[in-house]
């Protein structure tokens, strides 16, 4: 159950961070205004809250692993929202990152 909870939290954190950054981008670069920017700032703050709910206690480990989730999530977001089509190297790179996430977060460790 802990691994499943961790994965759900990583996905939620990715949606909040990537979505928040996208909202700020839209507000500034696409001139959609301060409401978009404000919504993005709120989402980015909520990302920090959700990330802190990870069952693992080591901040550095969580943030390092989340980097891989962010990479894969960013490509998925771009596909869903912006019509981006990754090439095979984008996909291979994202898969490598997700393997890294699994190793960092879920590999068995000794208690000592």
N, C-alpha and C. Protein backbone atom coordinates (compact mmCIF):
# COMPACT_ATOMS: atom_id res chain seq x y z
N UNK A 1 0.82 -1.20 0.00
CA UNK A 1 0.00 0.00 0.00
C UNK A 1 0.86 1.26 0.00
N UNK A 2 2.02 1.20 0.63
CA UNK A 2 2.88 2.38 0.69
C UNK A 2 3.39 2.76 -0.69
N UNK A 3 3.75 1.78 -1.53
CA UNK A 3 4.23 2.08 -2.88
C UNK A 3 3.09 2.69 -3.70
N UNK A 4 1.90 2.13 -3.60
CA UNK A 4 0.76 2.67 -4.34
C UNK A 4 0.47 4.10 -3.91
N UNK A 5 0.50 4.36 -2.61
CA UNK A 5 0.27 5.72 -2.10
C UNK A 5 1.34 6.68 -2.63
N UNK A 6 2.58 6.22 -2.63
CA UNK A 6 3.68 7.04 -3.11
C UNK A 6 3.50 7.39 -4.59
N UNK A 7 3.10 6.41 -5.39
CA UNK A 7 2.89 6.65 -6.82
C UNK A 7 1.76 7.65 -7.04
N UNK A 8 0.66 7.49 -6.30
CA UNK A 8 -0.46 8.44 -6.42
C UNK A 8 0.00 9.85 -6.05
N UNK A 9 0.80 9.97 -5.00
CA UNK A 9 1.30 11.29 -4.59
C UNK A 9 2.24 11.88 -5.64
N UNK A 10 3.08 11.04 -6.25
CA UNK A 10 3.95 11.54 -7.32
C UNK A 10 3.13 12.06 -8.50
N UNK A 11 2.09 11.33 -8.87
CA UNK A 11 1.24 11.77 -9.99
C UNK A 11 0.54 13.08 -9.64
N UNK A 12 -0.01 13.16 -8.43
CA UNK A 12 -0.69 14.39 -8.01
C UNK A 12 0.28 15.56 -7.98
N UNK A 13 1.47 15.33 -7.46
CA UNK A 13 2.49 16.40 -7.41
C UNK A 13 2.85 16.84 -8.83
N UNK A 14 2.98 15.90 -9.75
CA UNK A 14 3.33 16.25 -11.13
C UNK A 14 2.24 17.09 -11.77
N UNK A 15 0.98 16.71 -11.57
CA UNK A 15 -0.12 17.48 -12.15
C UNK A 15 -0.10 18.90 -11.60
N UNK A 16 0.12 19.03 -10.30
CA UNK A 16 0.13 20.37 -9.69
C UNK A 16 1.33 21.19 -10.15
N UNK A 17 2.52 20.59 -10.17
CA UNK A 17 3.69 21.38 -10.56
C UNK A 17 3.69 21.71 -12.05
N UNK A 18 3.46 20.71 -12.87
CA UNK A 18 3.48 20.95 -14.31
C UNK A 18 2.31 21.84 -14.70
N UNK A 19 1.15 21.56 -14.14
CA UNK A 19 -0.02 22.39 -14.42
C UNK A 19 0.16 23.82 -13.94
N UNK A 20 0.75 23.97 -12.75
CA UNK A 20 1.00 25.31 -12.23
C UNK A 20 1.97 26.09 -13.09
N UNK A 21 3.05 25.44 -13.49
CA UNK A 21 4.03 26.10 -14.37
C UNK A 21 3.39 26.45 -15.71
N UNK A 22 2.55 25.55 -16.22
CA UNK A 22 1.86 25.82 -17.49
C UNK A 22 0.92 27.02 -17.36
N UNK A 23 0.21 27.10 -16.24
CA UNK A 23 -0.69 28.24 -16.03
C UNK A 23 0.08 29.56 -15.98
N UNK A 24 1.21 29.58 -15.27
CA UNK A 24 2.04 30.78 -15.23
C UNK A 24 2.53 31.11 -16.64
N UNK A 25 2.99 30.12 -17.36
CA UNK A 25 3.45 30.30 -18.74
C UNK A 25 2.34 30.93 -19.58
N UNK A 26 1.15 30.36 -19.47
CA UNK A 26 0.02 30.88 -20.25
C UNK A 26 -0.29 32.33 -19.85
N UNK A 27 -0.26 32.60 -18.57
CA UNK A 27 -0.53 33.96 -18.11
C UNK A 27 0.47 34.97 -18.62
N UNK A 28 1.75 34.60 -18.62
CA UNK A 28 2.80 35.53 -19.03
C UNK A 28 3.07 35.49 -20.53
N UNK A 29 3.35 34.32 -21.06
CA UNK A 29 3.78 34.21 -22.45
C UNK A 29 2.63 34.31 -23.45
N UNK A 30 1.46 33.85 -23.03
CA UNK A 30 0.30 33.90 -23.92
C UNK A 30 -0.66 35.03 -23.56
N UNK A 31 -0.24 35.86 -22.63
CA UNK A 31 -0.98 37.08 -22.24
C UNK A 31 -2.41 36.79 -21.78
N UNK A 32 -2.57 35.73 -20.99
CA UNK A 32 -3.90 35.38 -20.49
C UNK A 32 -4.23 36.08 -19.18
N UNK A 33 -3.25 36.69 -18.56
CA UNK A 33 -3.54 37.55 -17.42
C UNK A 33 -3.20 36.99 -16.05
N UNK A 34 -3.46 37.84 -15.07
CA UNK A 34 -3.08 37.58 -13.69
C UNK A 34 -3.86 36.44 -13.05
N UNK A 35 -5.08 36.19 -13.47
CA UNK A 35 -5.84 35.06 -12.90
C UNK A 35 -5.15 33.74 -13.22
N UNK A 36 -4.67 33.59 -14.43
CA UNK A 36 -3.93 32.39 -14.81
C UNK A 36 -2.65 32.28 -13.99
N UNK A 37 -1.94 33.39 -13.86
CA UNK A 37 -0.70 33.40 -13.10
C UNK A 37 -0.98 33.05 -11.64
N UNK A 38 -1.99 33.66 -11.06
CA UNK A 38 -2.34 33.39 -9.67
C UNK A 38 -2.73 31.94 -9.45
N UNK A 39 -3.51 31.39 -10.37
CA UNK A 39 -3.89 29.97 -10.26
C UNK A 39 -2.64 29.08 -10.34
N UNK A 40 -1.71 29.46 -11.20
CA UNK A 40 -0.47 28.71 -11.31
C UNK A 40 0.36 28.76 -10.04
N UNK A 41 0.44 29.93 -9.42
CA UNK A 41 1.20 30.07 -8.18
C UNK A 41 0.56 29.21 -7.07
N UNK A 42 -0.75 29.20 -7.00
CA UNK A 42 -1.44 28.37 -6.01
C UNK A 42 -1.15 26.89 -6.27
N UNK A 43 -1.25 26.47 -7.52
CA UNK A 43 -0.97 25.07 -7.86
C UNK A 43 0.47 24.70 -7.50
N UNK A 44 1.41 25.60 -7.77
CA UNK A 44 2.80 25.32 -7.43
C UNK A 44 2.99 25.19 -5.92
N UNK A 45 2.30 26.01 -5.14
CA UNK A 45 2.36 25.88 -3.69
C UNK A 45 1.77 24.56 -3.22
N UNK A 46 0.66 24.16 -3.83
CA UNK A 46 0.05 22.88 -3.46
C UNK A 46 0.94 21.70 -3.84
N UNK A 47 1.71 21.85 -4.90
CA UNK A 47 2.68 20.81 -5.26
C UNK A 47 3.61 20.55 -4.07
N UNK A 48 4.11 21.62 -3.46
CA UNK A 48 5.02 21.46 -2.32
C UNK A 48 4.35 20.74 -1.16
N UNK A 49 3.09 21.01 -0.94
CA UNK A 49 2.35 20.34 0.13
C UNK A 49 2.22 18.85 -0.18
N UNK A 50 1.77 18.54 -1.38
CA UNK A 50 1.56 17.13 -1.76
C UNK A 50 2.88 16.36 -1.72
N UNK A 51 3.94 16.97 -2.20
CA UNK A 51 5.25 16.29 -2.18
C UNK A 51 5.67 15.96 -0.75
N UNK A 52 5.30 16.79 0.21
CA UNK A 52 5.69 16.55 1.60
C UNK A 52 4.92 15.38 2.22
N UNK A 53 3.88 14.91 1.58
CA UNK A 53 3.09 13.78 2.10
C UNK A 53 3.68 12.43 1.72
N UNK A 54 4.77 12.41 0.98
CA UNK A 54 5.38 11.13 0.61
C UNK A 54 5.74 10.35 1.88
N UNK A 55 5.53 9.03 1.87
CA UNK A 55 5.85 8.23 3.05
C UNK A 55 7.36 8.19 3.37
N UNK A 56 8.20 8.32 2.38
CA UNK A 56 9.66 8.36 2.59
C UNK A 56 10.01 9.65 3.32
N UNK A 57 10.94 9.56 4.26
CA UNK A 57 11.28 10.72 5.10
C UNK A 57 12.42 11.56 4.55
N UNK A 58 13.14 11.09 3.55
CA UNK A 58 14.32 11.80 3.05
C UNK A 58 13.95 12.75 1.92
N UNK A 59 14.04 14.05 2.18
CA UNK A 59 13.69 15.07 1.19
C UNK A 59 14.49 14.91 -0.09
N UNK A 60 15.79 14.73 0.03
CA UNK A 60 16.64 14.63 -1.16
C UNK A 60 16.27 13.45 -2.03
N UNK A 61 15.95 12.32 -1.41
CA UNK A 61 15.57 11.13 -2.17
C UNK A 61 14.26 11.38 -2.92
N UNK A 62 13.30 11.98 -2.24
CA UNK A 62 12.00 12.25 -2.86
C UNK A 62 12.16 13.22 -4.02
N UNK A 63 12.90 14.29 -3.80
CA UNK A 63 13.06 15.29 -4.86
C UNK A 63 13.83 14.72 -6.04
N UNK A 64 14.84 13.91 -5.77
CA UNK A 64 15.60 13.28 -6.86
C UNK A 64 14.70 12.36 -7.68
N UNK A 65 13.93 11.54 -7.00
CA UNK A 65 13.03 10.63 -7.70
C UNK A 65 11.95 11.41 -8.44
N UNK A 66 11.45 12.45 -7.81
CA UNK A 66 10.40 13.23 -8.46
C UNK A 66 10.88 13.84 -9.77
N UNK A 67 12.17 14.12 -9.86
CA UNK A 67 12.72 14.65 -11.12
C UNK A 67 12.38 13.76 -12.30
N UNK A 68 12.47 12.45 -12.11
CA UNK A 68 12.11 11.52 -13.18
C UNK A 68 10.63 11.55 -13.49
N UNK A 69 9.82 11.65 -12.45
CA UNK A 69 8.36 11.75 -12.65
C UNK A 69 8.05 13.04 -13.41
N UNK A 70 8.73 14.12 -13.06
CA UNK A 70 8.52 15.41 -13.72
C UNK A 70 8.84 15.32 -15.21
N UNK A 71 9.92 14.65 -15.55
CA UNK A 71 10.31 14.52 -16.96
C UNK A 71 9.24 13.78 -17.75
N UNK A 72 8.84 12.62 -17.26
CA UNK A 72 7.82 11.84 -17.96
C UNK A 72 6.48 12.59 -17.97
N UNK A 73 6.13 13.18 -16.85
CA UNK A 73 4.87 13.93 -16.76
C UNK A 73 4.84 15.13 -17.69
N UNK A 74 5.97 15.79 -17.83
CA UNK A 74 6.03 16.96 -18.73
C UNK A 74 5.76 16.56 -20.17
N UNK A 75 6.32 15.44 -20.59
CA UNK A 75 6.05 14.97 -21.95
C UNK A 75 4.58 14.60 -22.12
N UNK A 76 4.01 13.91 -21.13
CA UNK A 76 2.59 13.56 -21.20
C UNK A 76 1.70 14.81 -21.23
N UNK A 77 2.03 15.80 -20.39
CA UNK A 77 1.27 17.05 -20.37
C UNK A 77 1.34 17.73 -21.73
N UNK A 78 2.53 17.81 -22.28
CA UNK A 78 2.70 18.47 -23.58
C UNK A 78 1.91 17.76 -24.67
N UNK A 79 1.84 16.43 -24.59
CA UNK A 79 1.05 15.68 -25.56
C UNK A 79 -0.43 15.97 -25.39
N UNK A 80 -0.90 15.97 -24.16
CA UNK A 80 -2.33 16.12 -23.89
C UNK A 80 -2.82 17.55 -24.09
N UNK A 81 -2.00 18.52 -23.74
CA UNK A 81 -2.46 19.91 -23.71
C UNK A 81 -1.98 20.73 -24.90
N UNK A 82 -0.77 20.49 -25.33
CA UNK A 82 -0.18 21.33 -26.38
C UNK A 82 -0.01 20.63 -27.73
N UNK A 83 -0.42 19.38 -27.83
CA UNK A 83 -0.31 18.68 -29.10
C UNK A 83 1.11 18.24 -29.46
N UNK A 84 2.01 18.24 -28.51
CA UNK A 84 3.39 17.81 -28.73
C UNK A 84 3.42 16.32 -29.02
N UNK A 85 4.25 15.91 -29.95
CA UNK A 85 4.43 14.50 -30.25
C UNK A 85 5.89 14.13 -30.00
N UNK A 86 6.14 13.37 -28.92
CA UNK A 86 7.54 13.00 -28.62
C UNK A 86 8.08 12.02 -29.67
N UNK A 87 9.38 12.09 -29.89
CA UNK A 87 9.99 11.09 -30.76
C UNK A 87 10.43 9.90 -29.89
N UNK A 88 10.99 8.91 -30.53
CA UNK A 88 11.33 7.69 -29.78
C UNK A 88 12.36 7.96 -28.70
N UNK A 89 13.24 8.94 -28.92
CA UNK A 89 14.27 9.24 -27.92
C UNK A 89 13.67 9.95 -26.72
N UNK A 90 12.65 10.76 -26.93
CA UNK A 90 11.92 11.34 -25.79
C UNK A 90 11.32 10.23 -24.94
N UNK A 91 10.71 9.26 -25.60
CA UNK A 91 10.06 8.15 -24.90
C UNK A 91 11.11 7.30 -24.18
N UNK A 92 12.20 6.96 -24.85
CA UNK A 92 13.26 6.17 -24.22
C UNK A 92 13.82 6.91 -23.01
N UNK A 93 14.08 8.18 -23.16
CA UNK A 93 14.61 8.97 -22.05
C UNK A 93 13.66 9.00 -20.87
N UNK A 94 12.36 9.18 -21.13
CA UNK A 94 11.37 9.21 -20.06
C UNK A 94 11.29 7.85 -19.36
N UNK A 95 11.35 6.78 -20.12
CA UNK A 95 11.32 5.44 -19.51
C UNK A 95 12.55 5.20 -18.64
N UNK A 96 13.70 5.65 -19.11
CA UNK A 96 14.92 5.53 -18.29
C UNK A 96 14.75 6.29 -16.98
N UNK A 97 14.18 7.48 -17.06
CA UNK A 97 13.94 8.27 -15.85
C UNK A 97 13.00 7.55 -14.89
N UNK A 98 11.95 6.93 -15.42
CA UNK A 98 11.00 6.22 -14.55
C UNK A 98 11.64 4.99 -13.91
N UNK A 99 12.54 4.34 -14.62
CA UNK A 99 13.29 3.24 -14.00
C UNK A 99 14.14 3.80 -12.85
N UNK A 100 14.74 4.95 -13.07
CA UNK A 100 15.50 5.60 -12.00
C UNK A 100 14.63 5.92 -10.79
N UNK A 101 13.42 6.39 -11.03
CA UNK A 101 12.48 6.66 -9.93
C UNK A 101 12.26 5.39 -9.13
N UNK A 102 11.99 4.29 -9.83
CA UNK A 102 11.71 3.03 -9.15
C UNK A 102 12.91 2.58 -8.32
N UNK A 103 14.11 2.70 -8.87
CA UNK A 103 15.31 2.30 -8.13
C UNK A 103 15.49 3.19 -6.90
N UNK A 104 15.40 4.49 -7.08
CA UNK A 104 15.63 5.42 -5.97
C UNK A 104 14.60 5.23 -4.86
N UNK A 105 13.35 5.10 -5.23
CA UNK A 105 12.29 5.09 -4.22
C UNK A 105 11.95 3.70 -3.68
N UNK A 106 12.00 2.68 -4.51
CA UNK A 106 11.38 1.43 -4.12
C UNK A 106 12.33 0.24 -4.03
N UNK A 107 13.61 0.45 -4.28
CA UNK A 107 14.57 -0.64 -4.13
C UNK A 107 14.69 -1.01 -2.65
N UNK A 108 14.84 -2.28 -2.36
CA UNK A 108 14.97 -2.68 -0.94
C UNK A 108 16.26 -2.12 -0.35
N UNK A 109 16.14 -1.65 0.87
CA UNK A 109 17.30 -1.08 1.58
C UNK A 109 17.42 -1.78 2.94
N UNK A 110 18.65 -1.86 3.41
CA UNK A 110 18.86 -2.41 4.75
C UNK A 110 18.48 -1.35 5.76
N UNK A 111 18.13 -1.78 6.94
CA UNK A 111 17.71 -0.85 8.00
C UNK A 111 18.88 -0.08 8.57
N UNK A 112 20.09 -0.58 8.40
CA UNK A 112 21.27 0.07 9.00
C UNK A 112 21.85 1.12 8.15
